[in-house]
PDB file of N, CA and C in Angstrom:
ATOM      1  N   MET A   1      53.944  76.663   6.986  1.00  0.00           N
ATOM      2  CA  MET A   1      54.483  76.218   8.258  1.00  0.00           C
ATOM      3  C   MET A   1      53.471  75.296   8.936  1.00  0.00           C
ATOM      4  N   SER A   2      53.952  74.255   9.591  1.00  0.00           N
ATOM      5  CA  SER A   2      53.084  73.303  10.275  1.00  0.00           C
ATOM      6  C   SER A   2      52.622  73.851  11.617  1.00  0.00           C
ATOM      7  N   SER A   3      51.462  73.379  12.030  1.00  0.00           N
ATOM      8  CA  SER A   3      50.981  73.726  13.360  1.00  0.00           C
ATOM      9  C   SER A   3      51.602  72.763  14.363  1.00  0.00           C
ATOM     10  N   SER A   4      51.567  73.135  15.624  1.00  0.00           N
ATOM     11  CA  SER A   4      52.099  72.277  16.679  1.00  0.00           C
ATOM     12  C   SER A   4      51.377  70.936  16.698  1.00  0.00           C
ATOM     13  N   ARG A   5      50.071  70.947  16.476  1.00  0.00           N
ATOM     14  CA  ARG A   5      49.313  69.693  16.492  1.00  0.00           C
ATOM     15  C   ARG A   5      49.734  68.810  15.317  1.00  0.00           C
ATOM     16  N   GLU A   6      49.946  69.396  14.170  1.00  0.00           N
ATOM     17  CA  GLU A   6      50.392  68.626  13.006  1.00  0.00           C
ATOM     18  C   GLU A   6      51.768  68.005  13.262  1.00  0.00           C
ATOM     19  N   GLU A   7      52.649  68.770  13.880  1.00  0.00           N
ATOM     20  CA  GLU A   7      53.973  68.242  14.213  1.00  0.00           C
ATOM     21  C   GLU A   7      53.867  67.083  15.198  1.00  0.00           C
ATOM     22  N   LEU A   8      53.015  67.221  16.179  1.00  0.00           N
ATOM     23  CA  LEU A   8      52.808  66.157  17.158  1.00  0.00           C
ATOM     24  C   LEU A   8      52.216  64.917  16.491  1.00  0.00           C
ATOM     25  N   ASP A   9      51.252  65.112  15.607  1.00  0.00           N
ATOM     26  CA  ASP A   9      50.658  63.987  14.864  1.00  0.00           C
ATOM     27  C   ASP A   9      51.716  63.279  14.014  1.00  0.00           C
ATOM     28  N   ASN A  10      52.556  64.056  13.342  1.00  0.00           N
ATOM     29  CA  ASN A  10      53.640  63.467  12.542  1.00  0.00           C
ATOM     30  C   ASN A  10      54.572  62.650  13.422  1.00  0.00           C
ATOM     31  N   PHE A  11      54.938  63.206  14.564  1.00  0.00           N
ATOM     32  CA  PHE A  11      55.848  62.514  15.466  1.00  0.00           C
ATOM     33  C   PHE A  11      55.259  61.179  15.929  1.00  0.00           C
ATOM     34  N   MET A  12      54.026  61.196  16.359  1.00  0.00           N
ATOM     35  CA  MET A  12      53.406  59.966  16.866  1.00  0.00           C
ATOM     36  C   MET A  12      53.264  58.929  15.751  1.00  0.00           C
ATOM     37  N   TYR A  13      52.913  59.371  14.554  1.00  0.00           N
ATOM     38  CA  TYR A  13      52.863  58.470  13.402  1.00  0.00           C
ATOM     39  C   TYR A  13      54.243  57.858  13.164  1.00  0.00           C
ATOM     40  N   ASN A  14      55.273  58.682  13.207  1.00  0.00           N
ATOM     41  CA  ASN A  14      56.629  58.218  12.924  1.00  0.00           C
ATOM     42  C   ASN A  14      57.132  57.223  13.956  1.00  0.00           C
ATOM     43  N   VAL A  15      56.760  57.401  15.210  1.00  0.00           N
ATOM     44  CA  VAL A  15      57.141  56.430  16.244  1.00  0.00           C
ATOM     45  C   VAL A  15      56.561  55.061  15.892  1.00  0.00           C
ATOM     46  N   ALA A  16      55.282  55.021  15.552  1.00  0.00           N
ATOM     47  CA  ALA A  16      54.635  53.751  15.190  1.00  0.00           C
ATOM     48  C   ALA A  16      55.259  53.187  13.912  1.00  0.00           C
ATOM     49  N   TRP A  17      55.510  54.034  12.928  1.00  0.00           N
ATOM     50  CA  TRP A  17      56.091  53.585  11.662  1.00  0.00           C
ATOM     51  C   TRP A  17      57.482  52.989  11.877  1.00  0.00           C
ATOM     52  N   LEU A  18      58.306  53.663  12.673  1.00  0.00           N
ATOM     53  CA  LEU A  18      59.651  53.156  12.946  1.00  0.00           C
ATOM     54  C   LEU A  18      59.598  51.807  13.654  1.00  0.00           C
ATOM     55  N   ARG A  19      58.718  51.678  14.616  1.00  0.00           N
ATOM     56  CA  ARG A  19      58.609  50.417  15.347  1.00  0.00           C
ATOM     57  C   ARG A  19      58.211  49.287  14.410  1.00  0.00           C
ATOM     58  N   ARG A  20      57.193  49.529  13.614  1.00  0.00           N
ATOM     59  CA  ARG A  20      56.700  48.480  12.695  1.00  0.00           C
ATOM     60  C   ARG A  20      57.738  48.116  11.640  1.00  0.00           C
ATOM     61  N   THR A  21      58.337  49.116  11.016  1.00  0.00           N
ATOM     62  CA  THR A  21      59.270  48.832   9.918  1.00  0.00           C
ATOM     63  C   THR A  21      60.576  48.219  10.405  1.00  0.00           C
ATOM     64  N   ARG A  22      60.917  48.423  11.653  1.00  0.00           N
ATOM     65  CA  ARG A  22      62.137  47.826  12.215  1.00  0.00           C
ATOM     66  C   ARG A  22      61.856  46.498  12.909  1.00  0.00           C
ATOM     67  N   GLY A  23      60.579  46.115  12.994  1.00  0.00           N
ATOM     68  CA  GLY A  23      60.223  44.837  13.610  1.00  0.00           C
ATOM     69  C   GLY A  23      60.479  44.798  15.111  1.00  0.00           C
ATOM     70  N   ILE A  24      60.241  45.908  15.765  1.00  0.00           N
ATOM     71  CA  ILE A  24      60.486  46.012  17.206  1.00  0.00           C
ATOM     72  C   ILE A  24      59.166  45.813  17.959  1.00  0.00           C
ATOM     73  N   SER A  25      59.211  45.037  19.014  1.00  0.00           N
ATOM     74  CA  SER A  25      58.002  44.822  19.820  1.00  0.00           C
ATOM     75  C   SER A  25      57.636  46.114  20.552  1.00  0.00           C
ATOM     76  N   LYS A  26      56.385  46.207  20.958  1.00  0.00           N
ATOM     77  CA  LYS A  26      55.952  47.385  21.710  1.00  0.00           C
ATOM     78  C   LYS A  26      56.727  47.498  23.019  1.00  0.00           C
ATOM     79  N   ARG A  27      56.953  46.378  23.665  1.00  0.00           N
ATOM     80  CA  ARG A  27      57.688  46.382  24.932  1.00  0.00           C
ATOM     81  C   ARG A  27      59.108  46.927  24.737  1.00  0.00           C
ATOM     82  N   GLU A  28      59.787  46.457  23.696  1.00  0.00           N
ATOM     83  CA  GLU A  28      61.149  46.911  23.422  1.00  0.00           C
ATOM     84  C   GLU A  28      61.176  48.389  23.048  1.00  0.00           C
ATOM     85  N   MET A  29      60.219  48.815  22.232  1.00  0.00           N
ATOM     86  CA  MET A  29      60.171  50.221  21.818  1.00  0.00           C
ATOM     87  C   MET A  29      59.950  51.123  23.033  1.00  0.00           C
ATOM     88  N   ALA A  30      59.020  50.750  23.895  1.00  0.00           N
ATOM     89  CA  ALA A  30      58.763  51.545  25.093  1.00  0.00           C
ATOM     90  C   ALA A  30      60.032  51.656  25.941  1.00  0.00           C
ATOM     91  N   LYS A  31      60.748  50.554  26.066  1.00  0.00           N
ATOM     92  CA  LYS A  31      61.998  50.553  26.832  1.00  0.00           C
ATOM     93  C   LYS A  31      63.029  51.481  26.192  1.00  0.00           C
ATOM     94  N   ARG A  32      63.179  51.391  24.866  1.00  0.00           N
ATOM     95  CA  ARG A  32      64.149  52.242  24.165  1.00  0.00           C
ATOM     96  C   ARG A  32      63.844  53.722  24.321  1.00  0.00           C
ATOM     97  N   LEU A  33      62.542  54.046  24.386  1.00  0.00           N
ATOM     98  CA  LEU A  33      62.146  55.457  24.468  1.00  0.00           C
ATOM     99  C   LEU A  33      61.995  55.952  25.896  1.00  0.00           C
ATOM    100  N   GLY A  34      62.069  55.034  26.857  1.00  0.00           N
ATOM    101  CA  GLY A  34      61.938  55.431  28.256  1.00  0.00           C
ATOM    102  C   GLY A  34      60.523  55.806  28.645  1.00  0.00           C
ATOM    103  N   VAL A  35      59.551  55.127  28.017  1.00  0.00           N
ATOM    104  CA  VAL A  35      58.138  55.380  28.334  1.00  0.00           C
ATOM    105  C   VAL A  35      57.475  54.055  28.719  1.00  0.00           C
ATOM    106  N   GLY A  36      56.308  54.148  29.301  1.00  0.00           N
ATOM    107  CA  GLY A  36      55.545  52.960  29.627  1.00  0.00           C
ATOM    108  C   GLY A  36      54.790  52.445  28.409  1.00  0.00           C
ATOM    109  N   GLY A  37      54.341  51.217  28.519  1.00  0.00           N
ATOM    110  CA  GLY A  37      53.587  50.609  27.430  1.00  0.00           C
ATOM    111  C   GLY A  37      52.306  51.351  27.099  1.00  0.00           C
ATOM    112  N   LYS A  38      51.622  51.865  28.121  1.00  0.00           N
ATOM    113  CA  LYS A  38      50.371  52.609  27.885  1.00  0.00           C
ATOM    114  C   LYS A  38      50.649  53.913  27.131  1.00  0.00           C
ATOM    115  N   THR A  39      51.747  54.554  27.474  1.00  0.00           N
ATOM    116  CA  THR A  39      52.119  55.791  26.785  1.00  0.00           C
ATOM    117  C   THR A  39      52.390  55.501  25.315  1.00  0.00           C
ATOM    118  N   LEU A  40      53.159  54.457  25.041  1.00  0.00           N
ATOM    119  CA  LEU A  40      53.451  54.095  23.652  1.00  0.00           C
ATOM    120  C   LEU A  40      52.168  53.736  22.913  1.00  0.00           C
ATOM    121  N   ASP A  41      51.296  52.994  23.550  1.00  0.00           N
ATOM    122  CA  ASP A  41      50.033  52.614  22.911  1.00  0.00           C
ATOM    123  C   ASP A  41      49.210  53.846  22.539  1.00  0.00           C
ATOM    124  N   LEU A  42      49.123  54.801  23.436  1.00  0.00           N
ATOM    125  CA  LEU A  42      48.395  56.043  23.131  1.00  0.00           C
ATOM    126  C   LEU A  42      49.022  56.759  21.943  1.00  0.00           C
ATOM    127  N   MET A  43      50.342  56.862  21.955  1.00  0.00           N
ATOM    128  CA  MET A  43      51.032  57.544  20.865  1.00  0.00           C
ATOM    129  C   MET A  43      50.752  56.862  19.535  1.00  0.00           C
ATOM    130  N   GLU A  44      50.820  55.538  19.515  1.00  0.00           N
ATOM    131  CA  GLU A  44      50.610  54.814  18.264  1.00  0.00           C
ATOM    132  C   GLU A  44      49.174  54.925  17.767  1.00  0.00           C
ATOM    133  N   ARG A  45      48.253  55.245  18.653  1.00  0.00           N
ATOM    134  CA  ARG A  45      46.868  55.454  18.240  1.00  0.00           C
ATOM    135  C   ARG A  45      46.574  56.921  17.957  1.00  0.00           C
ATOM    136  N   GLY A  46      47.630  57.770  17.981  1.00  0.00           N
ATOM    137  CA  GLY A  46      47.470  59.181  17.643  1.00  0.00           C
ATOM    138  C   GLY A  46      46.905  60.028  18.759  1.00  0.00           C
ATOM    139  N   LYS A  47      46.937  59.511  19.980  1.00  0.00           N
ATOM    140  CA  LYS A  47      46.431  60.266  21.128  1.00  0.00           C
ATOM    141  C   LYS A  47      47.616  60.775  21.938  1.00  0.00           C
ATOM    142  N   VAL A  48      47.515  61.990  22.403  1.00  0.00           N
ATOM    143  CA  VAL A  48      48.615  62.597  23.147  1.00  0.00           C
ATOM    144  C   VAL A  48      48.591  62.091  24.590  1.00  0.00           C
ATOM    145  N   PRO A  49      49.651  61.416  25.001  1.00  0.00           N
ATOM    146  CA  PRO A  49      49.722  60.952  26.391  1.00  0.00           C
ATOM    147  C   PRO A  49      49.811  62.136  27.347  1.00  0.00           C
ATOM    148  N   PRO A  50      49.265  62.001  28.544  1.00  0.00           N
ATOM    149  CA  PRO A  50      49.269  63.125  29.485  1.00  0.00           C
ATOM    150  C   PRO A  50      50.667  63.571  29.910  1.00  0.00           C
ATOM    151  N   ARG A  51      51.637  62.660  29.883  1.00  0.00           N
ATOM    152  CA  ARG A  51      52.981  63.014  30.356  1.00  0.00           C
ATOM    153  C   ARG A  51      54.041  62.845  29.279  1.00  0.00           C
ATOM    154  N   LEU A  52      53.739  63.251  28.094  1.00  0.00           N
ATOM    155  CA  LEU A  52      54.712  63.164  26.998  1.00  0.00           C
ATOM    156  C   LEU A  52      55.723  64.299  27.138  1.00  0.00           C
ATOM    157  N   SER A  53      57.005  63.950  27.175  1.00  0.00           N
ATOM    158  CA  SER A  53      58.028  64.991  27.314  1.00  0.00           C
ATOM    159  C   SER A  53      58.921  65.028  26.080  1.00  0.00           C
ATOM    160  N   ALA A  54      59.631  66.102  25.959  1.00  0.00           N
ATOM    161  CA  ALA A  54      60.543  66.278  24.823  1.00  0.00           C
ATOM    162  C   ALA A  54      61.639  65.232  24.811  1.00  0.00           C
ATOM    163  N   SER A  55      61.922  64.620  25.950  1.00  0.00           N
ATOM    164  CA  SER A  55      62.969  63.601  26.006  1.00  0.00           C
ATOM    165  C   SER A  55      62.653  62.419  25.097  1.00  0.00           C
ATOM    166  N   VAL A  56      61.363  62.189  24.824  1.00  0.00           N
ATOM    167  CA  VAL A  56      60.972  61.093  23.926  1.00  0.00           C
ATOM    168  C   VAL A  56      61.431  61.409  22.499  1.00  0.00           C
ATOM    169  N   ILE A  57      61.313  62.649  22.087  1.00  0.00           N
ATOM    170  CA  ILE A  57      61.783  63.050  20.756  1.00  0.00           C
ATOM    171  C   ILE A  57      63.287  62.811  20.635  1.00  0.00           C
ATOM    172  N   PHE A  58      64.016  63.200  21.670  1.00  0.00           N
ATOM    173  CA  PHE A  58      65.468  62.996  21.650  1.00  0.00           C
ATOM    174  C   PHE A  58      65.823  61.515  21.648  1.00  0.00           C
ATOM    175  N   ALA A  59      65.046  60.706  22.372  1.00  0.00           N
ATOM    176  CA  ALA A  59      65.297  59.260  22.402  1.00  0.00           C
ATOM    177  C   ALA A  59      65.079  58.644  21.023  1.00  0.00           C
ATOM    178  N   VAL A  60      64.028  59.046  20.328  1.00  0.00           N
ATOM    179  CA  VAL A  60      63.763  58.527  18.980  1.00  0.00           C
ATOM    180  C   VAL A  60      64.899  58.947  18.050  1.00  0.00           C
ATOM    181  N   GLU A  61      65.275  60.198  18.136  1.00  0.00           N
ATOM    182  CA  GLU A  61      66.365  60.713  17.300  1.00  0.00           C
ATOM    183  C   GLU A  61      67.646  59.903  17.520  1.00  0.00           C
ATOM    184  N   ARG A  62      67.968  59.650  18.776  1.00  0.00           N
ATOM    185  CA  ARG A  62      69.187  58.930  19.137  1.00  0.00           C
ATOM    186  C   ARG A  62      69.109  57.447  18.753  1.00  0.00           C
ATOM    187  N   GLN A  63      67.997  56.803  19.056  1.00  0.00           N
ATOM    188  CA  GLN A  63      67.841  55.365  18.812  1.00  0.00           C
ATOM    189  C   GLN A  63      67.785  55.015  17.333  1.00  0.00           C
ATOM    190  N   PHE A  64      67.198  55.890  16.523  1.00  0.00           N
ATOM    191  CA  PHE A  64      66.950  55.572  15.119  1.00  0.00           C
ATOM    192  C   PHE A  64      67.696  56.469  14.137  1.00  0.00           C
ATOM    193  N   CYS A  65      68.556  57.344  14.655  1.00  0.00           N
ATOM    194  CA  CYS A  65      69.351  58.246  13.801  1.00  0.00           C
ATOM    195  C   CYS A  65      68.482  58.993  12.795  1.00  0.00           C
ATOM    196  N   VAL A  66      67.382  59.546  13.297  1.00  0.00           N
ATOM    197  CA  VAL A  66      66.477  60.338  12.469  1.00  0.00           C
ATOM    198  C   VAL A  66      66.452  61.747  13.050  1.00  0.00           C
ATOM    199  N   ASP A  67      66.696  62.722  12.213  1.00  0.00           N
ATOM    200  CA  ASP A  67      66.706  64.115  12.641  1.00  0.00           C
ATOM    201  C   ASP A  67      65.357  64.522  13.221  1.00  0.00           C
ATOM    202  N   ARG A  68      65.383  65.225  14.343  1.00  0.00           N
ATOM    203  CA  ARG A  68      64.119  65.608  14.996  1.00  0.00           C
ATOM    204  C   ARG A  68      63.254  66.488  14.113  1.00  0.00           C
ATOM    205  N   CYS A  69      63.861  67.274  13.254  1.00  0.00           N
ATOM    206  CA  CYS A  69      63.064  68.100  12.336  1.00  0.00           C
ATOM    207  C   CYS A  69      62.254  67.211  11.386  1.00  0.00           C
ATOM    208  N   ALA A  70      62.868  66.141  10.908  1.00  0.00           N
ATOM    209  CA  ALA A  70      62.151  65.201  10.027  1.00  0.00           C
ATOM    210  C   ALA A  70      61.045  64.494  10.797  1.00  0.00           C
ATOM    211  N   LEU A  71      61.288  64.158  12.053  1.00  0.00           N
ATOM    212  CA  LEU A  71      60.275  63.469  12.861  1.00  0.00           C
ATOM    213  C   LEU A  71      59.026  64.327  13.049  1.00  0.00           C
ATOM    214  N   LEU A  72      59.217  65.640  13.090  1.00  0.00           N
ATOM    215  CA  LEU A  72      58.104  66.542  13.340  1.00  0.00           C
ATOM    216  C   LEU A  72      57.474  67.108  12.067  1.00  0.00           C
ATOM    217  N   SER A  73      58.266  67.264  11.017  1.00  0.00           N
ATOM    218  CA  SER A  73      57.783  67.990   9.844  1.00  0.00           C
ATOM    219  C   SER A  73      57.078  67.135   8.797  1.00  0.00           C
ATOM    220  N   ARG A  74      57.314  65.814   8.834  1.00  0.00           N
ATOM    221  CA  ARG A  74      56.690  64.966   7.799  1.00  0.00           C
ATOM    222  C   ARG A  74      56.510  63.553   8.325  1.00  0.00           C
ATOM    223  N   ARG A  75      55.738  62.800   7.591  1.00  0.00           N
ATOM    224  CA  ARG A  75      55.543  61.388   7.919  1.00  0.00           C
ATOM    225  C   ARG A  75      56.539  60.563   7.139  1.00  0.00           C
ATOM    226  N   LEU A  76      57.385  59.859   7.851  1.00  0.00           N
ATOM    227  CA  LEU A  76      58.404  59.035   7.223  1.00  0.00           C
ATOM    228  C   LEU A  76      57.729  57.923   6.422  1.00  0.00           C
ATOM    229  N   GLY A  77      58.345  57.546   5.321  1.00  0.00           N
ATOM    230  CA  GLY A  77      57.812  56.448   4.526  1.00  0.00           C
ATOM    231  C   GLY A  77      56.698  56.832   3.571  1.00  0.00           C
ATOM    232  N   GLU A  78      56.295  58.082   3.588  1.00  0.00           N
ATOM    233  CA  GLU A  78      55.229  58.522   2.656  1.00  0.00           C
ATOM    234  C   GLU A  78      55.832  59.366   1.558  1.00  0.00           C
TER     235      GLU A  78
END
């Protein structure tokens, strides 16, 4: 079973991976997820933003049709 930190690391990696592989700008990705640019930048660098909420997971799931379990349990594309 994964630890909470591992799941969070997987999620943040997957956000960056989805943005890059879909050719989406940071500004557009932040808008789609309902977060600020600084929050997205922290996430893409593997740092936990101070105000990260579960709504971001749901936004990624909805925007990219990726199951939240997959977003947390593994790194997409590996």
